Amino acid sequence: MSHPSRLPAILQAVMQGQPRALADSHYPRWHHAPVTGLMNDPNGFIEFAGRYHLFYQWNPLACDHKFKCWGHWSSADLLHWQHEPIALMPDEEYDRNGCYSGSAVDSQGTLTLCYTGNVKFDDGSRTAWQCLATENADGTFTKLGPVLPLPEGYTGHVRDPKVWQHEGRWYMRLWHQWPGRRGLYVGMPGPVCPRRPAYSNLLSAGDCP
């Protein structure tokens, strides 16, 4: 079930925030920064089809973590960058509380995003889904939905897929937490990114592996 689009509110926030940001002497002139809201983790830095793509967590509506989208810049030379359409917004039931960090990969010639859909419940508990989205010809992305549910025995803090391919096989690292402990585990999907992985504990680490 899709949630109502907040794109009109985002456009309004950008239009209102841009004049103030550009007039601020402290606004970055070299480093990337949005003109409104909160910017968090960089995600999915990739060279694809002759351009570099850099995604980032962005809440354009407030300086908090309640509405995490994925913003998107691209460049041909890493010096001159342009804004692209917002790649991901938390507008589905499986990512309604934020599109958390992840990766971008070239999957059979298609730019594919792997991210965590975050869901919080009224009782304070939460769950997480590992999700996919693929790029369209106009630079927008179509969500394919969840491909990995929350594994049994873990808390809802399972997130931030780092995905790569090696010798024809896809691998995924995820930060995870189970009651009283935290660490990192790796899933090993099949030849198409990424489907039905097998999990194995690997090592302890922080989030955003």
Protein backbone atom coordinates (compact mmCIF):
# COMPACT_ATOMS: atom_id res chain seq x y z
CA MET A 1 0.00 0.00 0.00
CA SER A 2 1.42 3.34 -1.05
CA HIS A 3 1.27 6.37 1.22
CA PRO A 4 0.31 9.86 -0.04
CA SER A 5 3.17 11.58 -1.83
CA ARG A 6 4.99 14.30 0.05
CA LEU A 7 6.62 15.61 -3.10
CA PRO A 8 4.60 18.87 -3.06
CA ALA A 9 5.78 19.54 0.50
CA ILE A 10 9.38 18.74 -0.50
CA LEU A 11 9.23 21.13 -3.45
CA GLN A 12 7.85 23.85 -1.22
CA ALA A 13 10.58 23.26 1.38
CA VAL A 14 13.30 23.47 -1.30
CA MET A 15 11.86 26.64 -2.83
CA GLN A 16 11.65 28.30 0.57
CA GLY A 17 15.03 27.06 1.76
CA GLN A 18 17.14 27.70 -1.31
CA PRO A 19 17.28 31.53 -1.11
CA ARG A 20 18.21 31.40 2.57
CA ALA A 21 20.86 28.72 2.04
CA LEU A 22 22.53 30.43 -0.91
CA ALA A 23 22.61 33.75 0.97
CA ASP A 24 24.24 32.14 4.02
CA SER A 25 28.00 32.76 4.09
CA HIS A 26 28.48 29.40 5.83
CA TYR A 27 26.69 27.38 3.16
CA PRO A 28 29.23 25.07 1.44
CA ARG A 29 30.39 26.24 -1.98
CA TRP A 30 32.56 23.21 -2.77
CA HIS A 31 31.19 20.30 -0.75
CA HIS A 32 27.75 18.94 -1.55
CA ALA A 33 24.89 20.06 0.65
CA PRO A 34 21.12 20.27 0.23
CA VAL A 35 19.45 23.65 0.68
CA THR A 36 17.03 22.46 3.33
CA GLY A 37 16.54 19.76 5.92
CA LEU A 38 18.98 17.11 7.14
CA MET A 39 21.64 15.32 5.12
CA ASN A 40 22.94 12.06 6.56
CA ASP A 41 24.88 9.05 5.20
CA PRO A 42 26.28 9.02 1.66
CA ASN A 43 25.05 5.93 -0.18
CA GLY A 44 25.65 4.00 -3.37
CA PHE A 45 28.65 5.82 -4.82
CA ILE A 46 29.06 4.20 -8.24
CA GLU A 47 30.29 4.78 -11.80
CA PHE A 48 27.60 3.62 -14.21
CA ALA A 49 27.18 4.17 -17.95
CA GLY A 50 29.84 6.87 -18.07
CA ARG A 51 28.60 8.92 -15.10
CA TYR A 52 29.33 8.93 -11.40
CA HIS A 53 26.32 8.68 -9.11
CA LEU A 54 26.23 9.71 -5.46
CA PHE A 55 23.17 9.10 -3.34
CA TYR A 56 22.62 10.38 0.19
CA GLN A 57 20.10 10.20 3.00
CA TRP A 58 18.06 13.37 3.06
CA ASN A 59 15.10 14.58 5.04
CA PRO A 60 14.05 17.70 3.14
CA LEU A 61 11.20 18.49 5.53
CA ALA A 62 13.04 18.93 8.85
CA CYS A 63 16.37 18.58 10.63
CA ASP A 64 15.48 15.19 12.08
CA HIS A 65 15.51 11.53 11.02
CA LYS A 66 11.77 11.00 10.53
CA PHE A 67 11.48 11.16 6.73
CA LYS A 68 14.65 9.81 5.17
CA CYS A 69 14.72 9.92 1.39
CA TRP A 70 17.59 9.20 -0.97
CA GLY A 71 18.78 12.33 -2.75
CA HIS A 72 20.83 11.89 -5.92
CA TRP A 73 23.65 13.76 -7.64
CA SER A 74 25.52 12.73 -10.80
CA SER A 75 28.70 13.86 -12.54
CA ALA A 76 30.79 13.08 -15.60
CA ASP A 77 34.09 14.17 -14.03
CA LEU A 78 33.66 14.28 -10.20
CA LEU A 79 34.04 18.08 -10.37
CA HIS A 80 30.81 19.28 -11.93
CA TRP A 81 27.68 17.79 -10.40
CA GLN A 82 24.00 18.04 -11.16
CA HIS A 83 20.91 17.26 -9.14
CA GLU A 84 18.88 14.26 -10.23
CA PRO A 85 15.30 13.37 -9.27
CA ILE A 86 14.86 12.08 -5.73
CA ALA A 87 15.70 8.39 -5.98
CA LEU A 88 13.73 7.03 -3.02
CA MET A 89 11.01 8.35 -0.75
CA PRO A 90 9.46 6.48 2.21
CA ASP A 91 6.04 6.15 0.62
CA GLU A 92 5.39 2.41 0.86
CA GLU A 93 4.24 0.40 3.86
CA TYR A 94 7.56 -1.48 3.97
CA ASP A 95 9.68 1.71 4.14
CA ARG A 96 7.20 4.14 5.69
CA ASN A 97 9.59 5.32 8.43
CA GLY A 98 12.60 5.88 6.22
CA CYS A 99 14.68 4.64 3.32
CA TYR A 100 17.84 3.79 5.23
CA SER A 101 21.36 3.36 3.88
CA GLY A 102 22.47 0.89 1.25
CA SER A 103 24.31 0.37 -2.02
CA ALA A 104 24.07 0.96 -5.75
CA VAL A 105 25.18 -1.77 -8.15
CA ASP A 106 25.19 -2.59 -11.84
CA SER A 107 22.89 -5.61 -12.07
CA GLN A 108 22.83 -6.96 -15.62
CA GLY A 109 23.17 -3.46 -17.09
CA THR A 110 20.59 -1.84 -14.80
CA LEU A 111 21.47 0.63 -12.05
CA THR A 112 19.99 -1.03 -8.98
CA LEU A 113 19.61 0.36 -5.47
CA CYS A 114 19.70 -1.91 -2.42
CA TYR A 115 18.40 -0.22 0.73
CA THR A 116 16.71 -0.84 4.07
CA GLY A 117 13.03 -0.09 4.49
CA ASN A 118 12.45 0.96 8.09
CA VAL A 119 9.09 0.41 9.83
CA LYS A 120 8.26 1.54 13.35
CA PHE A 121 5.20 0.46 15.32
CA ASP A 122 3.11 2.31 17.90
CA ASP A 123 4.34 0.07 20.74
CA GLY A 124 7.95 1.18 20.16
CA SER A 125 9.05 -1.95 18.30
CA ARG A 126 10.26 -1.95 14.73
CA THR A 127 11.14 -4.13 11.78
CA ALA A 128 13.27 -3.80 8.67
CA TRP A 129 13.16 -5.00 5.09
CA GLN A 130 16.01 -5.14 2.59
CA CYS A 131 14.60 -3.70 -0.63
CA LEU A 132 15.49 -3.12 -4.27
CA ALA A 133 14.77 -0.35 -6.77
CA THR A 134 15.83 -0.05 -10.41
CA GLU A 135 16.50 3.03 -12.54
CA ASN A 136 14.11 4.11 -15.28
CA ALA A 137 15.06 5.83 -18.54
CA ASP A 138 14.10 9.25 -17.12
CA GLY A 139 16.41 8.92 -14.11
CA THR A 140 13.70 8.04 -11.61
CA PHE A 141 13.59 4.70 -9.82
CA THR A 142 10.94 2.01 -9.55
CA LYS A 143 10.78 0.12 -6.28
CA LEU A 144 10.73 -3.66 -6.56
CA GLY A 145 9.84 -4.05 -2.91
CA PRO A 146 11.39 -6.17 -0.17
CA VAL A 147 13.60 -9.12 -1.04
CA LEU A 148 14.78 -9.98 2.49
CA PRO A 149 12.60 -9.99 5.62
CA LEU A 150 13.88 -9.56 9.14
CA PRO A 151 15.72 -12.76 10.10
CA GLU A 152 14.33 -14.64 13.10
CA GLY A 153 15.99 -13.94 16.43
CA TYR A 154 17.17 -10.40 15.63
CA THR A 155 15.85 -7.03 16.69
CA GLY A 156 14.44 -4.62 14.14
CA HIS A 157 17.90 -3.05 13.79
CA VAL A 158 19.02 -4.90 10.66
CA ARG A 159 20.05 -2.45 8.00
CA ASP A 160 22.51 -0.80 5.59
CA PRO A 161 23.16 -3.47 2.93
CA LYS A 162 26.62 -3.35 1.36
CA VAL A 163 26.30 -5.36 -1.85
CA TRP A 164 28.95 -6.46 -4.31
CA GLN A 165 29.58 -9.17 -6.89
CA HIS A 166 32.54 -11.54 -6.95
CA GLU A 167 33.09 -14.36 -9.43
CA GLY A 168 29.48 -14.34 -10.55
CA ARG A 169 27.97 -14.41 -7.08
CA TRP A 170 26.36 -11.55 -5.15
CA TYR A 171 27.28 -10.87 -1.55
CA MET A 172 25.54 -8.67 1.00
CA ARG A 173 26.79 -7.40 4.34
CA LEU A 174 24.27 -6.06 6.83
CA TRP A 175 24.63 -4.42 10.20
CA HIS A 176 22.46 -6.31 12.64
CA GLN A 177 21.55 -6.45 16.28
CA TRP A 178 20.18 -9.23 18.40
CA PRO A 179 19.19 -8.87 22.07
CA GLY A 180 22.26 -7.90 24.07
CA ARG A 181 24.73 -8.05 21.17
CA ARG A 182 25.44 -6.53 17.78
CA GLY A 183 27.58 -7.47 14.82
CA LEU A 184 27.68 -8.03 11.11
CA TYR A 185 26.53 -10.90 8.97
CA VAL A 186 26.83 -11.69 5.32
CA GLY A 187 24.22 -13.07 2.95
CA MET A 188 25.17 -14.90 -0.21
CA PRO A 189 22.56 -14.48 -2.95
CA GLY A 190 22.36 -16.16 -6.30
CA PRO A 191 23.38 -14.83 -9.71
CA VAL A 192 20.69 -12.11 -9.88
CA CYS A 193 20.99 -9.25 -7.41
CA PRO A 194 20.02 -10.21 -4.76
CA ARG A 195 17.62 -13.11 -4.17
CA ARG A 196 17.20 -15.63 -1.34
CA PRO A 197 20.52 -15.33 0.48
CA ALA A 198 21.92 -17.70 3.05
CA TYR A 199 23.05 -15.96 6.23
CA SER A 200 26.23 -16.56 8.17
CA ASN A 201 27.72 -14.60 11.10
CA LEU A 202 30.93 -12.87 10.13
CA LEU A 203 32.28 -10.33 12.64
CA SER A 204 31.36 -7.49 14.94
CA ALA A 205 31.16 -3.99 13.53
CA GLY A 206 29.30 -0.72 13.53
CA ASP A 207 26.50 0.18 11.16
CA CYS A 208 26.95 1.15 7.50
CA PRO A 209 29.43 -1.69 6.77
